[in-house]
Amino acid sequence: MEIKTRDFGMIDIDENEIITFEDPIFGFETIKKYVLLYDDSVGGQLMWLQSTEEQNICFILLDPVVLTYPYPGELRPELIEMLQKKNINEPVFRIIAVIREDLRKSTVNLKSPIVIDTQSRRAAQIILEDDYSIREPLLTERKGAV
């Protein structure tokens, strides 16, 4: 399947790679189908979540392993139950990043991660009850450089 992307132009994707959001990304309720794109030159912790339905809808995601502290911490039983109701049985967490030209102004949304089940290709954006910020600085003294 060929799609037009915001950052990579026209590309071919395997339809089996499409991720369907059970609960759409907040603010983008009508868009439910995405694909993860990678650029080998920047490493595997950074990826693009590109809509297959709308060229200009694309989010930069980070693997939370780039953080220097545990995230999202221990999963509470009620969170596991909620994910299972959304058919997400093997959750992989990704965080949305807003990358600015001045990297010191870049932020990540720790409060509402994207959770993907890589087996079922189902996903959801969830809100964690923990005290996380939606605009946490990506680079801080506490965390160091990514």
Protein backbone atom coordinates (compact mmCIF):
# COMPACT_ATOMS: atom_id res chain seq x y z
CA MET A 1 0.00 0.00 0.00
CA GLU A 2 1.38 3.42 -0.90
CA ILE A 3 0.87 6.41 1.40
CA LYS A 4 1.99 10.01 1.31
CA THR A 5 3.76 11.06 4.50
CA ARG A 6 4.53 14.38 6.10
CA ASP A 7 8.27 13.81 6.50
CA PHE A 8 9.24 10.99 4.12
CA GLY A 9 7.20 11.68 0.96
CA MET A 10 5.55 8.73 -0.79
CA ILE A 11 6.37 5.35 0.74
CA ASP A 12 5.21 1.76 0.44
CA ILE A 13 3.95 0.11 3.61
CA ASP A 14 2.82 -3.40 4.37
CA GLU A 15 -0.86 -3.32 5.37
CA ASN A 16 0.01 -5.78 8.16
CA GLU A 17 2.07 -2.99 9.77
CA ILE A 18 -0.96 -0.70 10.24
CA ILE A 19 -1.78 0.07 13.86
CA THR A 20 -5.45 0.66 14.73
CA PHE A 21 -6.27 2.90 17.67
CA GLU A 22 -9.05 1.53 19.87
CA ASP A 23 -9.24 4.95 21.50
CA PRO A 24 -8.01 7.65 19.11
CA ILE A 25 -5.27 10.11 19.98
CA PHE A 26 -6.75 13.03 21.92
CA GLY A 27 -7.75 15.78 19.50
CA PHE A 28 -7.59 13.43 16.50
CA GLU A 29 -10.70 11.33 17.13
CA THR A 30 -11.51 10.67 13.46
CA ILE A 31 -8.07 9.24 12.63
CA LYS A 32 -7.55 5.67 13.78
CA LYS A 33 -5.02 4.07 11.43
CA TYR A 34 -1.29 4.74 11.68
CA VAL A 35 2.04 3.17 10.85
CA LEU A 36 5.36 3.44 12.69
CA LEU A 37 8.22 4.77 10.57
CA TYR A 38 11.90 4.73 11.47
CA ASP A 39 14.97 6.56 10.21
CA ASP A 40 18.08 4.43 10.75
CA SER A 41 20.26 7.54 10.89
CA VAL A 42 18.67 8.65 14.20
CA GLY A 43 18.43 5.30 15.99
CA GLY A 44 15.59 3.07 17.09
CA GLN A 45 14.43 5.09 20.10
CA LEU A 46 12.94 7.78 17.84
CA MET A 47 10.06 6.97 15.49
CA TRP A 48 7.27 8.63 13.56
CA LEU A 49 3.62 7.64 14.07
CA GLN A 50 2.24 8.52 10.64
CA SER A 51 -1.47 8.52 9.87
CA THR A 52 -2.32 6.36 6.88
CA GLU A 53 -5.47 8.42 6.39
CA GLU A 54 -4.12 11.98 6.54
CA GLN A 55 -0.69 12.99 5.26
CA ASN A 56 -0.15 15.89 7.67
CA ILE A 57 -1.00 13.95 10.83
CA CYS A 58 2.26 12.59 12.18
CA PHE A 59 3.65 12.38 15.71
CA ILE A 60 7.22 11.93 16.82
CA LEU A 61 7.43 9.17 19.42
CA LEU A 62 10.21 8.21 21.78
CA ASP A 63 10.93 4.94 23.49
CA PRO A 64 10.89 5.83 27.20
CA VAL A 65 14.19 3.97 27.68
CA VAL A 66 15.79 7.32 26.80
CA LEU A 67 14.59 8.59 30.19
CA THR A 68 16.91 8.16 33.14
CA TYR A 69 14.16 7.06 35.51
CA PRO A 70 11.59 4.23 35.42
CA TYR A 71 8.58 5.01 33.27
CA PRO A 72 5.71 4.37 33.57
CA GLY A 73 6.78 2.65 36.75
CA GLU A 74 4.86 -0.34 38.02
CA LEU A 75 1.62 -0.97 36.13
CA ARG A 76 -1.33 -0.98 38.49
CA PRO A 77 -3.85 -3.83 38.14
CA GLU A 78 -6.60 -1.40 37.04
CA LEU A 79 -4.38 -0.10 34.21
CA ILE A 80 -3.63 -3.64 33.05
CA GLU A 81 -7.36 -4.45 33.14
CA MET A 82 -8.21 -1.29 31.16
CA LEU A 83 -5.61 -2.15 28.50
CA GLN A 84 -6.93 -5.71 28.22
CA LYS A 85 -10.43 -4.35 27.59
CA LYS A 86 -8.92 -2.48 24.63
CA ASN A 87 -7.33 -5.73 23.35
CA ILE A 88 -3.86 -4.52 24.36
CA ASN A 89 -2.37 -7.51 26.13
CA GLU A 90 1.34 -6.93 25.54
CA PRO A 91 1.74 -3.17 26.04
CA VAL A 92 4.70 -1.24 24.68
CA PHE A 93 4.79 2.37 25.85
CA ARG A 94 5.85 5.29 23.64
CA ILE A 95 5.80 8.98 24.50
CA ILE A 96 4.86 11.82 22.17
CA ALA A 97 7.64 14.36 21.72
CA VAL A 98 7.51 17.90 20.43
CA ILE A 99 10.94 18.55 18.93
CA ARG A 100 11.89 22.20 18.56
CA GLU A 101 14.69 23.68 16.49
CA ASP A 102 16.28 24.64 19.81
CA LEU A 103 16.38 21.17 21.43
CA ARG A 104 16.36 22.75 24.90
CA LYS A 105 12.74 23.78 24.23
CA SER A 106 11.64 20.26 23.21
CA THR A 107 9.11 18.49 25.43
CA VAL A 108 7.57 15.07 25.96
CA ASN A 109 4.10 14.11 27.14
CA LEU A 110 4.59 11.71 30.05
CA LYS A 111 0.99 11.99 31.28
CA SER A 112 -0.65 10.47 28.17
CA PRO A 113 1.54 7.82 26.56
CA ILE A 114 0.73 5.87 23.44
CA VAL A 115 0.38 2.18 24.27
CA ILE A 116 0.83 -0.30 21.42
CA ASP A 117 0.32 -4.05 21.32
CA THR A 118 2.83 -5.10 18.68
CA GLN A 119 1.15 -8.49 18.26
CA SER A 120 -2.46 -7.42 17.70
CA ARG A 121 -1.46 -4.05 16.14
CA ARG A 122 -3.94 -2.31 18.48
CA ALA A 123 -3.14 0.92 20.28
CA ALA A 124 -4.59 3.58 22.54
CA GLN A 125 -3.56 6.82 24.12
CA ILE A 126 -4.13 6.60 27.84
CA ILE A 127 -3.97 9.01 30.77
CA LEU A 128 -1.80 7.87 33.65
CA GLU A 129 -2.98 8.77 37.14
CA ASP A 130 0.60 9.33 38.29
CA ASP A 131 1.89 12.87 38.67
CA TYR A 132 3.43 13.22 35.20
CA SER A 133 3.58 16.35 33.05
CA ILE A 134 2.19 16.74 29.55
CA ARG A 135 5.07 19.12 28.74
CA GLU A 136 8.11 17.65 30.45
CA PRO A 137 11.35 19.14 29.10
CA LEU A 138 13.14 16.55 27.00
CA LEU A 139 16.56 17.79 28.08
CA THR A 140 17.09 18.76 31.70
CA GLU A 141 19.88 18.74 34.26
CA ARG A 142 18.09 15.84 35.93
CA LYS A 143 17.83 13.72 32.79
CA GLY A 144 20.78 14.80 30.70
CA ALA A 145 20.89 14.58 26.95
CA VAL A 146 18.87 12.08 25.01
